[in-house]
Amino acid sequence: MLHQVRSTWDLHFANGGEQALELLRGGTEVDVIVTDLHMPGMHGVEMLTQVSKMDPEIIRIVLSANLNADDIAPTAGITHQIVAKPCDPDHFRSVLTRAFTLRRRMENSPVKTSLMQMGTLPSVPVLYWRIMDEINSPSPSIARVAEIVSKDPGMTAKVLKVANTTTNPQNRVTDIVYATHMIGLENLKSFVLAAELFEKVSNDAMSEQFDIDALWQHGLTVGEYSMRIAEFQGADKATVDASYTAGLLHDIGLLILATKLPTDFEAVLECARSTGSTLYQAERKTLGVTHAEIGAYLLDLWGLHDNVVKAISHHFFPSGDEHDIYSFKEDEAFSPLTAVHSANYFCEEAEGTDDEYGKAELDMFYLESLGLGEMVPMWWDLCKEELSV
C-alpha cells in the first residue's frame, strides 16, 4: 500500500508492538504511527497507550479488520483515527498525507505544543464510531442505530429532546427509533459527535466566564441555520449534511480552549478586554491561532470531510488572510463555508450577543464574489422563522 511513497517518506516497519516501541526508544522520529489492534504478544491498545505517553504529538491511526464495539471502546482517548481493512491503497495514502500536512500546518503555532500535550487531544467518541460502523455497513438500519443510541440513557434523552422540538407539544416523541428517523442518520451522527465531546469535557476545569450550555445551544442553532440556508440554495444532500455538521461543530475549538487550556483562554479574554480587540483578533495576537483553526485541526485529525474542516477553519473570515494555517482557495460556488459563515452571523444577531468581544461580521466581499450578496436578506428572513432546536 505504501510502495508508491517509499522514496519520499521515511517508512519504518515493526513486527509487533514491542518492536515498534523499541524503535521509538531508540530515537527514531515518528510523525504518524499506524497499527492493527489484534497483534500477537502486545495488543494494539497497549502499544498505543505507551506511545501516547512517550510522545503525545505522534498521530495515532488504527488500521484493522472486523472491528466491533468491544474492540473500539478501549481505543477512546488514545486513537485519532480508525481505518477499516480492507482499505483502498489510495485512500490509505491520502489519510497519511493528510496527517503529515496537518502537523506542518500547526508547526509554528505557540499553542501547538499545549494542544498536543494536554494528555492527548480528545479522541473521536466511542458512540460515534459505533454509529458509523452501522451506517457504513452494507445494509444500514435506522432501528439498529436507534438501538445503539438507546444503550446510552443520556444520549437518548438528548436525541428525544431534539426530535420533540420539531413536533406539536400534544404529539410528544417517546420512541427512539422514530426520533432517529426524524433527525436522519447523517444529522444524528454529527449530533452524537458534538454531544459526546461536550459531555467529555464538561467536567474539566474551565474559566468561570465560559458558559458551556450557551455554547451548545449556539452550535445547535448555527447547525440548523446552516442547514436551512443550504436547503434554500438547492444544495445537494451531501452539502446540506456537511453544512449542518460544520454549523453544529464550528465552535469546538472554543470548547477545547476554555476547558483544556483555561489559562490560555483567560489570557485571550484579558487581551480582548484591554485592547478592544475582537475575540478572533485577541486569539491571533495571544496564541498565534484562532479557536476556529484549533477546531478545524481537531476535526481534520479525526478525518472529517474537507468541506466540514474548511467551513470551520474559515467561518469568521471566508476570504482568508495572510495568517491562515489552512491554505484553502476561495470557493467558486455555494458551500458549507458559505452557509456556516452566514448562519453564525445571523445567530449572533438573533442572540443579541454582548459586544464586549466583538460580534461576527459578514464578509460581503466573499459573498458578493460568489454572486450571493443579494441572498443575505432572504437567508436572514429564513433563519428568523421559529427554530426547531
Protein backbone atom coordinates (compact mmCIF):
# COMPACT_ATOMS: atom_id res chain seq x y z
CA MET A 1 0.00 0.00 0.00
CA LEU A 2 2.94 2.36 0.60
CA HIS A 3 5.06 1.20 -2.33
CA GLN A 4 4.46 4.43 -4.29
CA VAL A 5 5.80 6.64 -1.50
CA ARG A 6 8.82 4.60 -0.44
CA SER A 7 11.22 7.13 -2.00
CA THR A 8 9.58 10.24 -0.48
CA TRP A 9 8.58 9.11 3.01
CA ASP A 10 10.74 7.63 5.75
CA LEU A 11 8.99 4.34 6.49
CA HIS A 12 9.71 2.08 9.45
CA PHE A 13 8.11 -1.34 9.90
CA ALA A 14 7.86 -3.38 13.09
CA ASN A 15 6.78 -6.96 13.64
CA GLY A 16 4.71 -6.28 16.71
CA GLY A 17 4.12 -3.69 19.38
CA GLU A 18 7.28 -4.26 21.41
CA GLN A 19 9.49 -3.85 18.36
CA ALA A 20 7.67 -0.62 17.49
CA LEU A 21 8.27 0.74 20.99
CA GLU A 22 11.94 -0.18 20.74
CA LEU A 23 12.21 1.90 17.57
CA LEU A 24 10.82 4.89 19.45
CA ARG A 25 13.01 4.30 22.50
CA GLY A 26 15.98 4.15 20.17
CA GLY A 27 15.36 7.71 18.99
CA THR A 28 13.53 7.08 15.71
CA GLU A 29 11.49 10.21 14.93
CA VAL A 30 7.92 9.42 14.01
CA ASP A 31 5.10 11.71 12.86
CA VAL A 32 2.39 9.08 12.43
CA ILE A 33 2.05 5.52 13.69
CA VAL A 34 -0.33 3.00 12.11
CA THR A 35 -1.16 -0.26 13.83
CA ASP A 36 -3.53 -3.18 13.82
CA LEU A 37 -5.28 -3.77 17.12
CA HIS A 38 -5.03 -7.54 17.01
CA MET A 39 -1.35 -8.44 17.20
CA PRO A 40 0.47 -11.32 18.89
CA GLY A 41 2.38 -10.51 22.05
CA MET A 42 1.11 -6.96 22.64
CA HIS A 43 -2.37 -5.69 21.87
CA GLY A 44 -2.58 -2.54 19.77
CA VAL A 45 -4.32 -0.61 22.57
CA GLU A 46 -1.47 -1.33 24.98
CA MET A 47 1.09 -0.22 22.42
CA LEU A 48 -0.76 3.00 21.55
CA THR A 49 -1.21 3.81 25.22
CA GLN A 50 2.56 3.64 25.70
CA VAL A 51 3.17 5.64 22.51
CA SER A 52 0.83 8.41 23.71
CA LYS A 53 2.86 8.68 26.93
CA MET A 54 6.24 8.55 25.20
CA ASP A 55 5.38 11.19 22.59
CA PRO A 56 1.83 12.64 22.65
CA GLU A 57 2.49 14.56 19.42
CA ILE A 58 2.56 11.37 17.33
CA ILE A 59 -0.68 10.98 15.36
CA ARG A 60 -2.06 7.50 16.12
CA ILE A 61 -4.09 5.62 13.48
CA VAL A 62 -5.64 2.16 13.77
CA LEU A 63 -5.84 0.04 10.60
CA SER A 64 -7.73 -3.10 11.49
CA ALA A 65 -10.32 -5.55 10.20
CA ASN A 66 -13.52 -6.93 11.72
CA LEU A 67 -13.75 -4.31 14.44
CA ASN A 68 -16.79 -4.24 16.69
CA ALA A 69 -17.90 -2.07 19.57
CA ASP A 70 -15.89 -4.08 22.09
CA ASP A 71 -12.73 -3.51 20.03
CA ILE A 72 -13.34 0.21 19.57
CA ALA A 73 -14.27 1.15 23.15
CA PRO A 74 -10.76 0.66 24.63
CA THR A 75 -9.25 2.95 21.97
CA ALA A 76 -11.06 6.03 23.34
CA GLY A 77 -8.52 8.67 24.28
CA ILE A 78 -5.56 7.09 22.52
CA THR A 79 -6.58 6.83 18.84
CA HIS A 80 -7.05 9.74 16.46
CA GLN A 81 -8.47 7.78 13.51
CA ILE A 82 -9.69 4.26 12.78
CA VAL A 83 -9.42 2.94 9.22
CA ALA A 84 -11.14 -0.33 8.40
CA LYS A 85 -9.45 -3.11 6.44
CA PRO A 86 -9.64 -3.96 3.64
CA CYS A 87 -8.74 -0.42 2.65
CA ASP A 88 -8.22 1.14 -0.76
CA PRO A 89 -4.48 1.99 -1.09
CA ASP A 90 -5.19 5.46 -2.47
CA HIS A 91 -7.48 6.22 0.46
CA PHE A 92 -4.91 4.93 2.94
CA ARG A 93 -2.16 7.08 1.46
CA SER A 94 -4.44 10.11 1.48
CA VAL A 95 -5.16 9.57 5.19
CA LEU A 96 -1.44 9.56 5.95
CA THR A 97 -0.69 12.51 3.65
CA ARG A 98 -3.39 14.49 5.42
CA ALA A 99 -1.89 13.59 8.81
CA PHE A 100 1.59 14.78 7.75
CA THR A 101 0.20 18.01 6.33
CA LEU A 102 -1.81 18.55 9.49
CA ARG A 103 1.29 18.52 11.69
CA ARG A 104 3.07 21.01 9.44
CA ARG A 105 0.13 23.43 9.47
CA MET A 106 0.34 23.89 13.23
CA GLU A 107 4.14 23.67 13.46
CA ASN A 108 4.70 27.40 14.06
CA SER A 109 1.77 27.98 16.38
CA PRO A 110 2.62 28.71 20.04
CA VAL A 111 -0.42 26.71 21.10
CA LYS A 112 0.57 23.57 19.20
CA THR A 113 2.63 22.01 21.99
CA SER A 114 -0.07 22.74 24.56
CA LEU A 115 -2.71 21.17 22.33
CA MET A 116 -0.73 18.01 21.72
CA GLN A 117 0.41 17.61 25.31
CA MET A 118 -2.80 18.15 27.25
CA GLY A 119 -2.83 14.40 27.98
CA THR A 120 -3.95 13.86 24.41
CA LEU A 121 -6.24 15.68 22.04
CA PRO A 122 -9.80 14.46 22.53
CA SER A 123 -10.43 11.30 20.54
CA VAL A 124 -13.49 10.54 18.45
CA PRO A 125 -16.20 9.40 20.89
CA VAL A 126 -16.86 5.65 21.00
CA LEU A 127 -20.62 6.01 20.44
CA TYR A 128 -19.87 7.89 17.21
CA TRP A 129 -17.66 5.04 15.99
CA ARG A 130 -20.39 2.53 16.78
CA ILE A 131 -22.96 4.52 14.82
CA MET A 132 -20.54 5.00 11.92
CA ASP A 133 -19.87 1.26 11.87
CA GLU A 134 -23.59 0.62 11.39
CA ILE A 135 -24.07 3.45 8.86
CA ASN A 136 -21.15 2.14 6.78
CA SER A 137 -22.39 -1.45 6.87
CA PRO A 138 -23.77 -3.00 3.65
CA SER A 139 -27.36 -2.63 4.90
CA PRO A 140 -27.54 0.21 7.46
CA SER A 141 -30.64 0.19 9.62
CA ILE A 142 -32.26 3.09 11.48
CA ALA A 143 -33.58 0.56 14.00
CA ARG A 144 -30.07 -0.73 14.74
CA VAL A 145 -28.68 2.81 15.02
CA ALA A 146 -31.51 3.64 17.43
CA GLU A 147 -30.68 0.54 19.45
CA ILE A 148 -27.05 1.69 19.71
CA VAL A 149 -28.16 5.14 20.92
CA SER A 150 -30.69 3.66 23.35
CA LYS A 151 -27.90 1.96 25.32
CA ASP A 152 -26.73 5.43 26.38
CA PRO A 153 -29.52 6.96 28.53
CA GLY A 154 -28.01 10.45 28.44
CA MET A 155 -27.71 10.47 24.66
CA THR A 156 -31.20 9.00 24.30
CA ALA A 157 -32.60 11.91 26.28
CA LYS A 158 -30.74 14.45 24.12
CA VAL A 159 -31.93 12.83 20.86
CA LEU A 160 -35.57 12.72 22.06
CA LYS A 161 -35.35 16.36 23.15
CA VAL A 162 -34.17 17.48 19.71
CA ALA A 163 -36.82 15.35 17.98
CA ASN A 164 -39.56 16.82 20.17
CA THR A 165 -38.67 20.39 19.33
CA THR A 166 -39.94 19.79 15.79
CA THR A 167 -43.34 18.37 16.80
CA ASN A 168 -46.59 19.59 18.26
CA PRO A 169 -46.47 19.54 22.10
CA GLN A 170 -49.52 17.25 22.07
CA ASN A 171 -47.62 14.68 19.98
CA ARG A 172 -44.54 14.02 22.09
CA VAL A 173 -41.96 11.65 20.61
CA THR A 174 -41.02 8.90 23.04
CA ASP A 175 -39.80 6.24 20.62
CA ILE A 176 -36.05 6.42 19.91
CA VAL A 177 -36.45 4.69 16.54
CA TYR A 178 -38.95 7.32 15.37
CA ALA A 179 -36.77 10.09 16.77
CA THR A 180 -33.76 8.73 14.87
CA HIS A 181 -35.82 8.61 11.67
CA MET A 182 -36.93 12.24 12.18
CA ILE A 183 -33.40 13.53 12.70
CA GLY A 184 -31.83 11.42 9.92
CA LEU A 185 -28.71 9.27 10.11
CA GLU A 186 -26.27 11.90 8.80
CA ASN A 187 -27.51 14.58 11.18
CA LEU A 188 -27.66 12.09 14.04
CA LYS A 189 -24.02 11.09 13.75
CA SER A 190 -22.99 14.76 13.77
CA PHE A 191 -25.22 15.42 16.77
CA VAL A 192 -23.75 12.47 18.66
CA LEU A 193 -20.21 13.58 17.84
CA ALA A 194 -20.85 17.06 19.23
CA ALA A 195 -22.89 15.95 22.23
CA GLU A 196 -20.35 13.36 23.36
CA LEU A 197 -17.48 15.81 23.01
CA PHE A 198 -19.33 18.38 25.12
CA GLU A 199 -20.11 15.67 27.67
CA LYS A 200 -16.48 14.52 27.84
CA VAL A 201 -15.11 17.96 28.64
CA SER A 202 -17.97 19.24 30.81
CA ASN A 203 -16.25 18.11 34.00
CA ASP A 204 -12.91 19.68 33.10
CA ALA A 205 -11.63 22.81 34.80
CA MET A 206 -12.84 25.79 32.81
CA SER A 207 -12.96 29.54 33.00
CA GLU A 208 -15.76 30.94 35.17
CA GLN A 209 -16.54 33.24 32.24
CA PHE A 210 -17.28 30.30 29.95
CA ASP A 211 -20.89 29.11 29.56
CA ILE A 212 -20.77 25.61 28.11
CA ASP A 213 -24.57 25.31 27.89
CA ALA A 214 -24.82 28.54 25.92
CA LEU A 215 -22.13 27.30 23.52
CA TRP A 216 -24.01 24.02 22.99
CA GLN A 217 -27.24 25.89 22.21
CA HIS A 218 -25.34 28.25 19.89
CA GLY A 219 -23.95 25.25 17.97
CA LEU A 220 -27.41 23.68 17.63
CA THR A 221 -28.81 26.95 16.30
CA VAL A 222 -25.99 27.59 13.82
CA GLY A 223 -26.29 23.97 12.66
CA GLU A 224 -29.99 24.42 11.91
CA TYR A 225 -29.49 27.83 10.31
CA SER A 226 -26.72 26.39 8.11
CA MET A 227 -28.92 23.51 7.03
CA ARG A 228 -31.81 25.84 6.21
CA ILE A 229 -29.60 28.10 4.11
CA ALA A 230 -28.11 25.16 2.21
CA GLU A 231 -31.56 23.69 1.51
CA PHE A 232 -32.86 27.11 0.40
CA GLN A 233 -29.99 27.33 -2.09
CA GLY A 234 -30.93 23.95 -3.53
CA ALA A 235 -27.68 22.30 -2.41
CA ASP A 236 -27.34 18.54 -2.78
CA LYS A 237 -27.81 16.29 0.26
CA ALA A 238 -24.07 15.92 0.91
CA THR A 239 -23.66 19.72 1.08
CA VAL A 240 -26.74 20.12 3.29
CA ASP A 241 -25.45 17.44 5.68
CA ALA A 242 -21.95 18.94 5.73
CA SER A 243 -23.43 22.38 6.42
CA TYR A 244 -25.31 21.04 9.44
CA THR A 245 -22.24 19.22 10.74
CA ALA A 246 -19.97 22.23 10.33
CA GLY A 247 -22.52 24.56 11.89
CA LEU A 248 -23.00 22.28 14.87
CA LEU A 249 -19.25 21.91 15.41
CA HIS A 250 -17.99 25.34 14.32
CA ASP A 251 -17.01 26.45 17.86
CA ILE A 252 -15.48 23.16 19.02
CA GLY A 253 -12.13 24.95 19.15
CA LEU A 254 -13.54 27.40 21.71
CA LEU A 255 -14.68 24.45 23.81
CA ILE A 256 -11.16 22.99 23.67
CA LEU A 257 -9.56 26.31 24.59
CA ALA A 258 -11.84 27.02 27.52
CA THR A 259 -11.75 23.51 29.03
CA LYS A 260 -8.36 22.10 28.10
CA LEU A 261 -6.31 25.32 28.08
CA PRO A 262 -8.16 27.58 30.54
CA THR A 263 -5.09 29.70 31.29
CA ASP A 264 -4.62 30.46 27.59
CA PHE A 265 -8.34 31.19 27.30
CA GLU A 266 -8.20 33.67 30.20
CA ALA A 267 -5.22 35.39 28.53
CA VAL A 268 -7.23 35.75 25.33
CA LEU A 269 -10.18 37.31 27.17
CA GLU A 270 -7.90 39.73 29.01
CA CYS A 271 -6.24 40.73 25.73
CA ALA A 272 -9.63 41.35 24.15
CA ARG A 273 -10.77 43.46 27.11
CA SER A 274 -7.59 45.53 27.43
CA THR A 275 -7.07 46.23 23.73
CA GLY A 276 -10.64 46.45 22.49
CA SER A 277 -9.93 43.58 20.10
CA THR A 278 -12.44 41.03 18.91
CA LEU A 279 -12.08 37.53 20.31
CA TYR A 280 -10.73 36.43 16.92
CA GLN A 281 -8.05 39.17 16.94
CA ALA A 282 -7.12 38.50 20.58
CA GLU A 283 -6.66 34.79 19.86
CA ARG A 284 -4.39 35.58 16.93
CA LYS A 285 -2.38 38.06 18.99
CA THR A 286 -2.11 35.88 22.11
CA LEU A 287 -1.93 32.34 20.73
CA GLY A 288 -0.96 32.81 17.10
CA VAL A 289 -4.00 30.76 16.12
CA THR A 290 -7.78 31.16 16.40
CA HIS A 291 -10.27 28.79 18.00
CA ALA A 292 -11.70 28.25 14.51
CA GLU A 293 -8.34 26.85 13.40
CA ILE A 294 -7.98 24.78 16.56
CA GLY A 295 -11.40 23.23 15.92
CA ALA A 296 -10.51 22.56 12.30
CA TYR A 297 -7.23 20.96 13.42
CA LEU A 298 -9.07 18.59 15.73
CA LEU A 299 -11.70 17.58 13.18
CA ASP A 300 -9.07 17.25 10.44
CA LEU A 301 -7.21 14.93 12.81
CA TRP A 302 -10.38 12.87 13.16
CA GLY A 303 -10.70 12.60 9.39
CA LEU A 304 -13.90 14.60 8.86
CA HIS A 305 -14.59 15.73 5.31
CA ASP A 306 -12.55 18.62 3.90
CA ASN A 307 -15.72 20.67 3.33
CA VAL A 308 -16.52 20.50 7.05
CA VAL A 309 -12.95 21.31 8.10
CA LYS A 310 -12.79 24.24 5.69
CA ALA A 311 -16.12 25.66 6.84
CA ILE A 312 -14.99 25.59 10.47
CA SER A 313 -11.49 26.96 9.91
CA HIS A 314 -12.74 29.94 7.87
CA HIS A 315 -16.16 30.61 9.39
CA PHE A 316 -15.01 34.02 10.73
CA PHE A 317 -13.44 35.33 7.55
CA PRO A 318 -14.01 33.20 4.42
CA SER A 319 -11.87 35.46 2.23
CA GLY A 320 -8.86 34.42 4.27
CA ASP A 321 -5.82 36.41 5.37
CA GLU A 322 -2.07 36.07 5.47
CA HIS A 323 -2.23 34.22 8.79
CA ASP A 324 -4.35 31.30 7.61
CA ILE A 325 -2.84 27.93 8.50
CA TYR A 326 -5.48 26.23 6.35
CA SER A 327 -4.49 27.49 2.92
CA PHE A 328 -7.71 26.74 1.03
CA LYS A 329 -8.57 28.52 -2.17
CA GLU A 330 -11.64 30.71 -2.29
CA ASP A 331 -14.79 28.87 -3.30
CA GLU A 332 -16.35 29.45 -6.68
CA ALA A 333 -19.78 28.20 -5.63
CA PHE A 334 -22.04 27.87 -2.62
CA SER A 335 -20.53 25.55 0.01
CA PRO A 336 -20.88 24.63 3.70
CA LEU A 337 -18.46 27.50 4.40
CA THR A 338 -20.95 29.97 2.92
CA ALA A 339 -23.77 28.52 4.99
CA VAL A 340 -21.88 28.43 8.30
CA HIS A 341 -20.32 31.88 7.93
CA SER A 342 -23.74 33.44 7.31
CA ALA A 343 -25.53 31.29 9.90
CA ASN A 344 -23.06 32.23 12.63
CA TYR A 345 -23.63 35.93 11.91
CA PHE A 346 -27.42 35.55 11.92
CA CYS A 347 -27.31 33.53 15.14
CA GLU A 348 -25.27 36.17 16.97
CA GLU A 349 -27.65 38.85 15.73
CA ALA A 350 -30.65 36.84 16.97
CA GLU A 351 -28.98 36.14 20.33
CA GLY A 352 -28.11 39.78 20.84
CA THR A 353 -24.57 38.71 21.71
CA ASP A 354 -22.71 41.08 24.04
CA ASP A 355 -20.43 43.40 22.09
CA GLU A 356 -17.63 43.12 24.70
CA TYR A 357 -15.57 40.82 22.47
CA GLY A 358 -16.97 41.93 19.13
CA LYS A 359 -19.75 40.33 17.12
CA ALA A 360 -19.25 38.33 13.97
CA GLU A 361 -19.34 40.34 10.77
CA LEU A 362 -20.46 39.31 7.31
CA ASP A 363 -17.63 39.01 4.78
CA MET A 364 -19.53 40.76 1.99
CA PHE A 365 -16.54 40.67 -0.35
CA TYR A 366 -16.65 36.88 -0.15
CA LEU A 367 -20.42 36.64 -0.56
CA GLU A 368 -20.52 39.09 -3.45
CA SER A 369 -17.64 37.33 -5.19
CA LEU A 370 -19.89 34.26 -5.25
CA GLY A 371 -22.79 36.32 -6.58
CA LEU A 372 -24.72 35.70 -3.34
CA GLY A 373 -24.73 39.13 -1.73
CA GLU A 374 -28.37 39.75 -2.63
CA MET A 375 -29.38 36.49 -0.92
CA VAL A 376 -28.46 37.73 2.57
CA PRO A 377 -31.86 39.34 3.39
CA MET A 378 -33.70 36.20 2.26
CA TRP A 379 -31.42 33.96 4.35
CA TRP A 380 -31.98 36.23 7.34
CA ASP A 381 -35.78 36.01 6.97
CA LEU A 382 -35.46 32.23 6.66
CA CYS A 383 -33.41 31.96 9.85
CA LYS A 384 -35.73 34.24 11.83
CA GLU A 385 -38.53 31.70 11.48
CA GLU A 386 -39.27 29.67 14.63
CA LEU A 387 -36.38 27.41 15.48
CA SER A 388 -36.64 23.65 15.86
CA VAL A 389 -33.78 23.40 18.39
